[in-house]
């Protein structure tokens, strides 16, 4: 979906892999993560990612209307969603060019 919207995507097989990528100096324009994952939740990944890159925009995707651990400061998108919903959520997170 992200490729279809014109984004260059770097995938990580797990939250731990994503965190390792961020720790090696990779600084993405944004981070999109599922919330329910084995090992580390999306909210925990977001907290660790923000410790490394405080200004990193993060979108947490969840299949549940209410999800424990997702703080109000974390934008989220509830599954199922359409491409247009994802695009709108991402555009709202990215800095607007002037």
PDB file of N, CA and C in Angstrom:
ATOM      1  N   UNK A   1       0.811  -1.204   0.000  1.00  0.00           N
ATOM      2  CA  UNK A   1       0.000   0.000   0.000  1.00  0.00           C
ATOM      3  C   UNK A   1       0.853   1.267   0.000  1.00  0.00           C
ATOM      4  N   UNK A   2       1.886   1.276   0.822  1.00  0.00           N
ATOM      5  CA  UNK A   2       2.727   2.472   0.908  1.00  0.00           C
ATOM      6  C   UNK A   2       3.457   2.732  -0.403  1.00  0.00           C
ATOM      7  N   UNK A   3       3.921   1.676  -1.048  1.00  0.00           N
ATOM      8  CA  UNK A   3       4.564   1.840  -2.353  1.00  0.00           C
ATOM      9  C   UNK A   3       3.586   2.425  -3.358  1.00  0.00           C
ATOM     10  N   UNK A   4       2.343   1.972  -3.322  1.00  0.00           N
ATOM     11  CA  UNK A   4       1.310   2.481  -4.230  1.00  0.00           C
ATOM     12  C   UNK A   4       1.064   3.967  -4.028  1.00  0.00           C
ATOM     13  N   UNK A   5       1.318   4.454  -2.824  1.00  0.00           N
ATOM     14  CA  UNK A   5       1.128   5.873  -2.516  1.00  0.00           C
ATOM     15  C   UNK A   5       2.372   6.708  -2.816  1.00  0.00           C
ATOM     16  N   UNK A   6       3.424   6.065  -3.335  1.00  0.00           N
ATOM     17  CA  UNK A   6       4.627   6.792  -3.721  1.00  0.00           C
ATOM     18  C   UNK A   6       5.713   6.861  -2.670  1.00  0.00           C
ATOM     19  N   UNK A   7       5.578   6.106  -1.599  1.00  0.00           N
ATOM     20  CA  UNK A   7       6.589   6.110  -0.549  1.00  0.00           C
ATOM     21  C   UNK A   7       7.653   5.060  -0.829  1.00  0.00           C
ATOM     22  N   UNK A   8       8.880   5.364  -0.469  1.00  0.00           N
ATOM     23  CA  UNK A   8       9.951   4.366  -0.484  1.00  0.00           C
ATOM     24  C   UNK A   8       9.883   3.644   0.854  1.00  0.00           C
ATOM     25  N   UNK A   9       9.783   2.329   0.816  1.00  0.00           N
ATOM     26  CA  UNK A   9       9.536   1.548   2.026  1.00  0.00           C
ATOM     27  C   UNK A   9      10.754   0.714   2.399  1.00  0.00           C
ATOM     28  N   UNK A  10      11.105   0.755   3.672  1.00  0.00           N
ATOM     29  CA  UNK A  10      12.096  -0.153   4.238  1.00  0.00           C
ATOM     30  C   UNK A  10      11.331  -0.996   5.252  1.00  0.00           C
ATOM     31  N   UNK A  11      11.252  -2.292   4.997  1.00  0.00           N
ATOM     32  CA  UNK A  11      10.500  -3.176   5.887  1.00  0.00           C
ATOM     33  C   UNK A  11      11.414  -3.805   6.927  1.00  0.00           C
ATOM     34  N   UNK A  12      10.840  -4.034   8.095  1.00  0.00           N
ATOM     35  CA  UNK A  12      11.538  -4.764   9.154  1.00  0.00           C
ATOM     36  C   UNK A  12      10.663  -5.958   9.517  1.00  0.00           C
ATOM     37  N   UNK A  13      11.286  -7.083   9.769  1.00  0.00           N
ATOM     38  CA  UNK A  13      10.551  -8.303  10.071  1.00  0.00           C
ATOM     39  C   UNK A  13       9.930  -8.332  11.451  1.00  0.00           C
ATOM     40  N   UNK A  14      10.378  -7.445  12.325  1.00  0.00           N
ATOM     41  CA  UNK A  14       9.852  -7.390  13.692  1.00  0.00           C
ATOM     42  C   UNK A  14      10.111  -5.996  14.256  1.00  0.00           C
ATOM     43  N   UNK A  15       9.502  -5.718  15.390  1.00  0.00           N
ATOM     44  CA  UNK A  15       9.747  -4.444  16.062  1.00  0.00           C
ATOM     45  C   UNK A  15      11.215  -4.329  16.462  1.00  0.00           C
ATOM     46  N   UNK A  16      11.784  -5.435  16.901  1.00  0.00           N
ATOM     47  CA  UNK A  16      13.197  -5.435  17.290  1.00  0.00           C
ATOM     48  C   UNK A  16      14.090  -5.113  16.094  1.00  0.00           C
ATOM     49  N   UNK A  17      13.769  -5.673  14.922  1.00  0.00           N
ATOM     50  CA  UNK A  17      14.539  -5.372  13.707  1.00  0.00           C
ATOM     51  C   UNK A  17      14.407  -3.896  13.334  1.00  0.00           C
ATOM     52  N   UNK A  18      13.209  -3.356  13.473  1.00  0.00           N
ATOM     53  CA  UNK A  18      12.993  -1.939  13.171  1.00  0.00           C
ATOM     54  C   UNK A  18      13.822  -1.066  14.106  1.00  0.00           C
ATOM     55  N   UNK A  19      13.845  -1.422  15.370  1.00  0.00           N
ATOM     56  CA  UNK A  19      14.622  -0.663  16.342  1.00  0.00           C
ATOM     57  C   UNK A  19      16.111  -0.735  16.023  1.00  0.00           C
ATOM     58  N   UNK A  20      16.585  -1.907  15.610  1.00  0.00           N
ATOM     59  CA  UNK A  20      17.997  -2.038  15.220  1.00  0.00           C
ATOM     60  C   UNK A  20      18.327  -1.132  14.030  1.00  0.00           C
ATOM     61  N   UNK A  21      17.428  -1.057  13.057  1.00  0.00           N
ATOM     62  CA  UNK A  21      17.649  -0.161  11.916  1.00  0.00           C
ATOM     63  C   UNK A  21      17.767   1.287  12.383  1.00  0.00           C
ATOM     64  N   UNK A  22      16.903   1.679  13.305  1.00  0.00           N
ATOM     65  CA  UNK A  22      16.947   3.047  13.821  1.00  0.00           C
ATOM     66  C   UNK A  22      18.210   3.299  14.638  1.00  0.00           C
ATOM     67  N   UNK A  23      18.684   2.297  15.347  1.00  0.00           N
ATOM     68  CA  UNK A  23      19.888   2.442  16.168  1.00  0.00           C
ATOM     69  C   UNK A  23      21.151   2.538  15.324  1.00  0.00           C
ATOM     70  N   UNK A  24      21.113   2.048  14.092  1.00  0.00           N
ATOM     71  CA  UNK A  24      22.295   2.110  13.228  1.00  0.00           C
ATOM     72  C   UNK A  24      22.391   3.432  12.485  1.00  0.00           C
ATOM     73  N   UNK A  25      21.512   4.357  12.807  1.00  0.00           N
ATOM     74  CA  UNK A  25      21.599   5.674  12.204  1.00  0.00           C
ATOM     75  C   UNK A  25      20.594   5.925  11.097  1.00  0.00           C
ATOM     76  N   UNK A  26      19.844   4.912  10.701  1.00  0.00           N
ATOM     77  CA  UNK A  26      18.829   5.124   9.669  1.00  0.00           C
ATOM     78  C   UNK A  26      17.772   6.056  10.249  1.00  0.00           C
ATOM     79  N   UNK A  27      17.456   7.124   9.514  1.00  0.00           N
ATOM     80  CA  UNK A  27      16.441   8.074   9.971  1.00  0.00           C
ATOM     81  C   UNK A  27      15.364   8.204   8.901  1.00  0.00           C
ATOM     82  N   UNK A  28      14.287   7.444   9.053  1.00  0.00           N
ATOM     83  CA  UNK A  28      13.211   7.521   8.067  1.00  0.00           C
ATOM     84  C   UNK A  28      12.413   8.817   8.215  1.00  0.00           C
ATOM     85  N   UNK A  29      11.639   9.127   7.184  1.00  0.00           N
ATOM     86  CA  UNK A  29      10.754  10.293   7.251  1.00  0.00           C
ATOM     87  C   UNK A  29       9.578  10.032   8.181  1.00  0.00           C
ATOM     88  N   UNK A  30       9.191   8.764   8.299  1.00  0.00           N
ATOM     89  CA  UNK A  30       8.118   8.388   9.216  1.00  0.00           C
ATOM     90  C   UNK A  30       8.189   6.901   9.499  1.00  0.00           C
ATOM     91  N   UNK A  31       7.489   6.490  10.545  1.00  0.00           N
ATOM     92  CA  UNK A  31       7.448   5.084  10.953  1.00  0.00           C
ATOM     93  C   UNK A  31       5.988   4.653  11.023  1.00  0.00           C
ATOM     94  N   UNK A  32       5.667   3.577  10.317  1.00  0.00           N
ATOM     95  CA  UNK A  32       4.330   2.982  10.374  1.00  0.00           C
ATOM     96  C   UNK A  32       4.495   1.601  10.986  1.00  0.00           C
ATOM     97  N   UNK A  33       3.744   1.328  12.041  1.00  0.00           N
ATOM     98  CA  UNK A  33       3.864   0.044  12.725  1.00  0.00           C
ATOM     99  C   UNK A  33       2.507  -0.501  13.125  1.00  0.00           C
ATOM    100  N   UNK A  34       2.390  -1.815  13.077  1.00  0.00           N
ATOM    101  CA  UNK A  34       1.216  -2.466  13.647  1.00  0.00           C
ATOM    102  C   UNK A  34       1.379  -2.410  15.166  1.00  0.00           C
ATOM    103  N   UNK A  35       0.276  -2.495  15.888  1.00  0.00           N
ATOM    104  CA  UNK A  35       0.393  -2.449  17.341  1.00  0.00           C
ATOM    105  C   UNK A  35       0.651  -3.829  17.941  1.00  0.00           C
ATOM    106  N   UNK A  36      -0.139  -4.813  17.528  1.00  0.00           N
ATOM    107  CA  UNK A  36       0.011  -6.147  18.107  1.00  0.00           C
ATOM    108  C   UNK A  36       1.035  -6.951  17.326  1.00  0.00           C
ATOM    109  N   UNK A  37       2.195  -7.135  17.934  1.00  0.00           N
ATOM    110  CA  UNK A  37       3.280  -7.907  17.330  1.00  0.00           C
ATOM    111  C   UNK A  37       3.907  -8.753  18.425  1.00  0.00           C
ATOM    112  N   UNK A  38       4.497  -9.876  18.055  1.00  0.00           N
ATOM    113  CA  UNK A  38       5.185 -10.672  19.073  1.00  0.00           C
ATOM    114  C   UNK A  38       6.424  -9.943  19.586  1.00  0.00           C
ATOM    115  N   UNK A  39       6.688 -10.063  20.854  1.00  0.00           N
ATOM    116  CA  UNK A  39       7.908  -9.490  21.426  1.00  0.00           C
ATOM    117  C   UNK A  39       7.744  -8.075  21.928  1.00  0.00           C
ATOM    118  N   UNK A  40       7.434  -7.162  21.041  1.00  0.00           N
ATOM    119  CA  UNK A  40       7.339  -5.748  21.393  1.00  0.00           C
ATOM    120  C   UNK A  40       6.130  -5.160  20.678  1.00  0.00           C
ATOM    121  N   UNK A  41       5.315  -4.426  21.390  1.00  0.00           N
ATOM    122  CA  UNK A  41       4.132  -3.823  20.765  1.00  0.00           C
ATOM    123  C   UNK A  41       4.531  -2.607  19.937  1.00  0.00           C
ATOM    124  N   UNK A  42       3.615  -2.171  19.102  1.00  0.00           N
ATOM    125  CA  UNK A  42       3.853  -0.967  18.314  1.00  0.00           C
ATOM    126  C   UNK A  42       4.049   0.256  19.191  1.00  0.00           C
ATOM    127  N   UNK A  43       3.310   0.318  20.305  1.00  0.00           N
ATOM    128  CA  UNK A  43       3.463   1.439  21.234  1.00  0.00           C
ATOM    129  C   UNK A  43       4.848   1.428  21.874  1.00  0.00           C
ATOM    130  N   UNK A  44       5.347   0.243  22.211  1.00  0.00           N
ATOM    131  CA  UNK A  44       6.701   0.139  22.783  1.00  0.00           C
ATOM    132  C   UNK A  44       7.751   0.511  21.738  1.00  0.00           C
ATOM    133  N   UNK A  45       7.550   0.072  20.502  1.00  0.00           N
ATOM    134  CA  UNK A  45       8.465   0.456  19.427  1.00  0.00           C
ATOM    135  C   UNK A  45       8.460   1.967  19.259  1.00  0.00           C
ATOM    136  N   UNK A  46       7.287   2.564  19.278  1.00  0.00           N
ATOM    137  CA  UNK A  46       7.180   4.016  19.133  1.00  0.00           C
ATOM    138  C   UNK A  46       7.930   4.738  20.245  1.00  0.00           C
ATOM    139  N   UNK A  47       7.786   4.270  21.470  1.00  0.00           N
ATOM    140  CA  UNK A  47       8.475   4.886  22.606  1.00  0.00           C
ATOM    141  C   UNK A  47       9.993   4.800  22.427  1.00  0.00           C
ATOM    142  N   UNK A  48      10.486   3.641  22.027  1.00  0.00           N
ATOM    143  CA  UNK A  48      11.922   3.471  21.807  1.00  0.00           C
ATOM    144  C   UNK A  48      12.411   4.278  20.611  1.00  0.00           C
ATOM    145  N   UNK A  49      11.608   4.330  19.560  1.00  0.00           N
ATOM    146  CA  UNK A  49      11.985   5.093  18.370  1.00  0.00           C
ATOM    147  C   UNK A  49      12.058   6.581  18.687  1.00  0.00           C
ATOM    148  N   UNK A  50      11.115   7.067  19.484  1.00  0.00           N
ATOM    149  CA  UNK A  50      11.117   8.488  19.851  1.00  0.00           C
ATOM    150  C   UNK A  50      12.293   8.835  20.760  1.00  0.00           C
ATOM    151  N   UNK A  51      12.767   7.877  21.533  1.00  0.00           N
ATOM    152  CA  UNK A  51      13.951   8.127  22.356  1.00  0.00           C
ATOM    153  C   UNK A  51      15.169   8.367  21.463  1.00  0.00           C
ATOM    154  N   UNK A  52      15.214   7.679  20.326  1.00  0.00           N
ATOM    155  CA  UNK A  52      16.326   7.842  19.384  1.00  0.00           C
ATOM    156  C   UNK A  52      16.137   9.039  18.468  1.00  0.00           C
ATOM    157  N   UNK A  53      14.913   9.256  18.028  1.00  0.00           N
ATOM    158  CA  UNK A  53      14.580  10.317  17.066  1.00  0.00           C
ATOM    159  C   UNK A  53      13.306  11.021  17.547  1.00  0.00           C
ATOM    160  N   UNK A  54      13.437  11.998  18.447  1.00  0.00           N
ATOM    161  CA  UNK A  54      12.263  12.615  19.078  1.00  0.00           C
ATOM    162  C   UNK A  54      11.242  13.222  18.110  1.00  0.00           C
ATOM    163  N   UNK A  55      11.679  13.677  16.960  1.00  0.00           N
ATOM    164  CA  UNK A  55      10.755  14.321  16.018  1.00  0.00           C
ATOM    165  C   UNK A  55      10.175  13.357  14.983  1.00  0.00           C
ATOM    166  N   UNK A  56      10.479  12.070  15.089  1.00  0.00           N
ATOM    167  CA  UNK A  56      10.031  11.092  14.101  1.00  0.00           C
ATOM    168  C   UNK A  56       8.508  10.944  14.133  1.00  0.00           C
ATOM    169  N   UNK A  57       7.832  11.221  13.010  1.00  0.00           N
ATOM    170  CA  UNK A  57       6.386  10.984  12.958  1.00  0.00           C
ATOM    171  C   UNK A  57       6.109   9.477  12.966  1.00  0.00           C
ATOM    172  N   UNK A  58       5.133   9.061  13.759  1.00  0.00           N
ATOM    173  CA  UNK A  58       4.821   7.635  13.907  1.00  0.00           C
ATOM    174  C   UNK A  58       3.320   7.432  13.767  1.00  0.00           C
ATOM    175  N   UNK A  59       2.943   6.408  13.006  1.00  0.00           N
ATOM    176  CA  UNK A  59       1.546   6.009  12.866  1.00  0.00           C
ATOM    177  C   UNK A  59       1.421   4.567  13.336  1.00  0.00           C
ATOM    178  N   UNK A  60       0.535   4.342  14.299  1.00  0.00           N
ATOM    179  CA  UNK A  60       0.290   2.997  14.817  1.00  0.00           C
ATOM    180  C   UNK A  60      -1.009   2.480  14.199  1.00  0.00           C
ATOM    181  N   UNK A  61      -0.928   1.305  13.594  1.00  0.00           N
ATOM    182  CA  UNK A  61      -2.088   0.676  12.969  1.00  0.00           C
ATOM    183  C   UNK A  61      -2.581  -0.430  13.895  1.00  0.00           C
ATOM    184  N   UNK A  62      -3.900  -0.462  14.125  1.00  0.00           N
ATOM    185  CA  UNK A  62      -4.455  -1.471  15.026  1.00  0.00           C
ATOM    186  C   UNK A  62      -5.810  -1.943  14.524  1.00  0.00           C
ATOM    187  N   UNK A  63      -6.087  -3.198  14.747  1.00  0.00           N
ATOM    188  CA  UNK A  63      -7.372  -3.759  14.370  1.00  0.00           C
ATOM    189  C   UNK A  63      -8.431  -3.608  15.443  1.00  0.00           C
ATOM    190  N   UNK A  64      -8.095  -2.955  16.530  1.00  0.00           N
ATOM    191  CA  UNK A  64      -9.022  -2.818  17.651  1.00  0.00           C
ATOM    192  C   UNK A  64      -9.329  -1.352  17.903  1.00  0.00           C
ATOM    193  N   UNK A  65     -10.588  -1.052  18.222  1.00  0.00           N
ATOM    194  CA  UNK A  65     -11.001   0.332  18.455  1.00  0.00           C
ATOM    195  C   UNK A  65     -10.280   0.924  19.666  1.00  0.00           C
ATOM    196  N   UNK A  66     -10.174   0.160  20.726  1.00  0.00           N
ATOM    197  CA  UNK A  66      -9.463   0.604  21.923  1.00  0.00           C
ATOM    198  C   UNK A  66      -8.297  -0.340  22.150  1.00  0.00           C
ATOM    199  N   UNK A  67      -7.124   0.187  22.230  1.00  0.00           N
ATOM    200  CA  UNK A  67      -5.948  -0.664  22.386  1.00  0.00           C
ATOM    201  C   UNK A  67      -5.109  -0.164  23.547  1.00  0.00           C
ATOM    202  N   UNK A  68      -4.873  -1.016  24.507  1.00  0.00           N
ATOM    203  CA  UNK A  68      -4.081  -0.669  25.679  1.00  0.00           C
ATOM    204  C   UNK A  68      -2.648  -0.352  25.269  1.00  0.00           C
ATOM    205  N   UNK A  69      -2.119   0.709  25.828  1.00  0.00           N
ATOM    206  CA  UNK A  69      -0.731   1.056  25.584  1.00  0.00           C
ATOM    207  C   UNK A  69      -0.532   2.131  24.535  1.00  0.00           C
ATOM    208  N   UNK A  70      -1.533   2.382  23.708  1.00  0.00           N
ATOM    209  CA  UNK A  70      -1.398   3.440  22.701  1.00  0.00           C
ATOM    210  C   UNK A  70      -1.775   4.753  23.375  1.00  0.00           C
ATOM    211  N   UNK A  71      -0.793   5.603  23.571  1.00  0.00           N
ATOM    212  CA  UNK A  71      -1.013   6.871  24.263  1.00  0.00           C
ATOM    213  C   UNK A  71      -1.671   7.881  23.316  1.00  0.00           C
ATOM    214  N   UNK A  72      -2.348   8.878  23.879  1.00  0.00           N
ATOM    215  CA  UNK A  72      -3.058   9.853  23.044  1.00  0.00           C
ATOM    216  C   UNK A  72      -2.155  10.620  22.075  1.00  0.00           C
ATOM    217  N   UNK A  73      -0.868  10.728  22.378  1.00  0.00           N
ATOM    218  CA  UNK A  73       0.036  11.465  21.491  1.00  0.00           C
ATOM    219  C   UNK A  73       0.462  10.653  20.266  1.00  0.00           C
ATOM    220  N   UNK A  74       0.068   9.375  20.211  1.00  0.00           N
ATOM    221  CA  UNK A  74       0.417   8.531  19.067  1.00  0.00           C
ATOM    222  C   UNK A  74      -0.747   8.480  18.085  1.00  0.00           C
ATOM    223  N   UNK A  75      -0.569   9.044  16.902  1.00  0.00           N
ATOM    224  CA  UNK A  75      -1.621   8.914  15.895  1.00  0.00           C
ATOM    225  C   UNK A  75      -1.833   7.448  15.549  1.00  0.00           C
ATOM    226  N   UNK A  76      -3.084   7.071  15.330  1.00  0.00           N
ATOM    227  CA  UNK A  76      -3.361   5.683  14.992  1.00  0.00           C
ATOM    228  C   UNK A  76      -4.408   5.600  13.903  1.00  0.00           C
ATOM    229  N   UNK A  77      -4.377   4.486  13.232  1.00  0.00           N
ATOM    230  CA  UNK A  77      -5.314   4.192  12.156  1.00  0.00           C
ATOM    231  C   UNK A  77      -5.894   2.817  12.448  1.00  0.00           C
ATOM    232  N   UNK A  78      -7.210   2.731  12.483  1.00  0.00           N
ATOM    233  CA  UNK A  78      -7.872   1.475  12.822  1.00  0.00           C
ATOM    234  C   UNK A  78      -8.149   0.666  11.558  1.00  0.00           C
ATOM    235  N   UNK A  79      -7.797  -0.626  11.610  1.00  0.00           N
ATOM    236  CA  UNK A  79      -8.087  -1.546  10.510  1.00  0.00           C
ATOM    237  C   UNK A  79      -9.554  -1.953  10.578  1.00  0.00           C
ATOM    238  N   UNK A  80     -10.162  -2.283   9.481  1.00  0.00           N
ATOM    239  CA  UNK A  80      -9.644  -2.149   8.117  1.00  0.00           C
ATOM    240  C   UNK A  80      -9.713  -0.688   7.675  1.00  0.00           C
ATOM    241  N   UNK A  81      -8.868  -0.329   6.737  1.00  0.00           N
ATOM    242  CA  UNK A  81      -8.866   1.028   6.208  1.00  0.00           C
ATOM    243  C   UNK A  81      -8.634   0.976   4.703  1.00  0.00           C
ATOM    244  N   UNK A  82      -8.954   2.079   4.053  1.00  0.00           N
ATOM    245  CA  UNK A  82      -8.752   2.201   2.606  1.00  0.00           C
ATOM    246  C   UNK A  82      -7.441   2.938   2.343  1.00  0.00           C
ATOM    247  N   UNK A  83      -6.939   2.827   1.127  1.00  0.00           N
ATOM    248  CA  UNK A  83      -5.726   3.550   0.745  1.00  0.00           C
ATOM    249  C   UNK A  83      -5.869   5.041   1.035  1.00  0.00           C
ATOM    250  N   UNK A  84      -7.048   5.584   0.765  1.00  0.00           N
ATOM    251  CA  UNK A  84      -7.272   7.011   0.990  1.00  0.00           C
ATOM    252  C   UNK A  84      -7.144   7.365   2.470  1.00  0.00           C
ATOM    253  N   UNK A  85      -7.591   6.481   3.353  1.00  0.00           N
ATOM    254  CA  UNK A  85      -7.460   6.718   4.798  1.00  0.00           C
ATOM    255  C   UNK A  85      -5.994   6.722   5.214  1.00  0.00           C
ATOM    256  N   UNK A  86      -5.239   5.767   4.684  1.00  0.00           N
ATOM    257  CA  UNK A  86      -3.811   5.693   4.987  1.00  0.00           C
ATOM    258  C   UNK A  86      -3.096   6.930   4.466  1.00  0.00           C
ATOM    259  N   UNK A  87      -3.395   7.316   3.234  1.00  0.00           N
ATOM    260  CA  UNK A  87      -2.758   8.495   2.640  1.00  0.00           C
ATOM    261  C   UNK A  87      -3.041   9.742   3.468  1.00  0.00           C
ATOM    262  N   UNK A  88      -4.284   9.930   3.877  1.00  0.00           N
ATOM    263  CA  UNK A  88      -4.644  11.105   4.674  1.00  0.00           C
ATOM    264  C   UNK A  88      -3.919  11.107   6.018  1.00  0.00           C
ATOM    265  N   UNK A  89      -3.829   9.950   6.653  1.00  0.00           N
ATOM    266  CA  UNK A  89      -3.132   9.854   7.942  1.00  0.00           C
ATOM    267  C   UNK A  89      -1.656  10.191   7.799  1.00  0.00           C
ATOM    268  N   UNK A  90      -1.032   9.675   6.747  1.00  0.00           N
ATOM    269  CA  UNK A  90       0.395   9.925   6.543  1.00  0.00           C
ATOM    270  C   UNK A  90       0.663  11.377   6.180  1.00  0.00           C
ATOM    271  N   UNK A  91      -0.159  11.942   5.313  1.00  0.00           N
ATOM    272  CA  UNK A  91       0.037  13.340   4.928  1.00  0.00           C
ATOM    273  C   UNK A  91      -0.125  14.273   6.119  1.00  0.00           C
ATOM    274  N   UNK A  92      -1.012  13.921   7.041  1.00  0.00           N
ATOM    275  CA  UNK A  92      -1.200  14.742   8.238  1.00  0.00           C
ATOM    276  C   UNK A  92       0.033  14.712   9.144  1.00  0.00           C
ATOM    277  N   UNK A  93       0.814  13.644   9.070  1.00  0.00           N
ATOM    278  CA  UNK A  93       2.002  13.505   9.920  1.00  0.00           C
ATOM    279  C   UNK A  93       3.246  14.153   9.336  1.00  0.00           C
ATOM    280  N   UNK A  94       3.316  14.212   8.012  1.00  0.00           N
ATOM    281  CA  UNK A  94       4.527  14.709   7.363  1.00  0.00           C
ATOM    282  C   UNK A  94       4.540  16.228   7.321  1.00  0.00           C
ATOM    283  N   UNK A  95       5.730  16.827   7.462  1.00  0.00           N
ATOM    284  CA  UNK A  95       5.827  18.283   7.355  1.00  0.00           C
ATOM    285  C   UNK A  95       5.406  18.730   5.955  1.00  0.00           C
ATOM    286  N   UNK A  96       4.672  19.809   5.907  1.00  0.00           N
ATOM    287  CA  UNK A  96       4.217  20.336   4.621  1.00  0.00           C
ATOM    288  C   UNK A  96       5.308  21.194   4.002  1.00  0.00           C
ATOM    289  N   UNK A  97       5.565  20.957   2.720  1.00  0.00           N
ATOM    290  CA  UNK A  97       6.564  21.755   2.006  1.00  0.00           C
ATOM    291  C   UNK A  97       5.970  23.111   1.671  1.00  0.00           C
ATOM    292  N   UNK A  98       6.816  24.143   1.748  1.00  0.00           N
ATOM    293  CA  UNK A  98       6.344  25.500   1.428  1.00  0.00           C
ATOM    294  C   UNK A  98       6.957  25.996   0.163  1.00  0.00           C
TER     295      UNK A  98
END
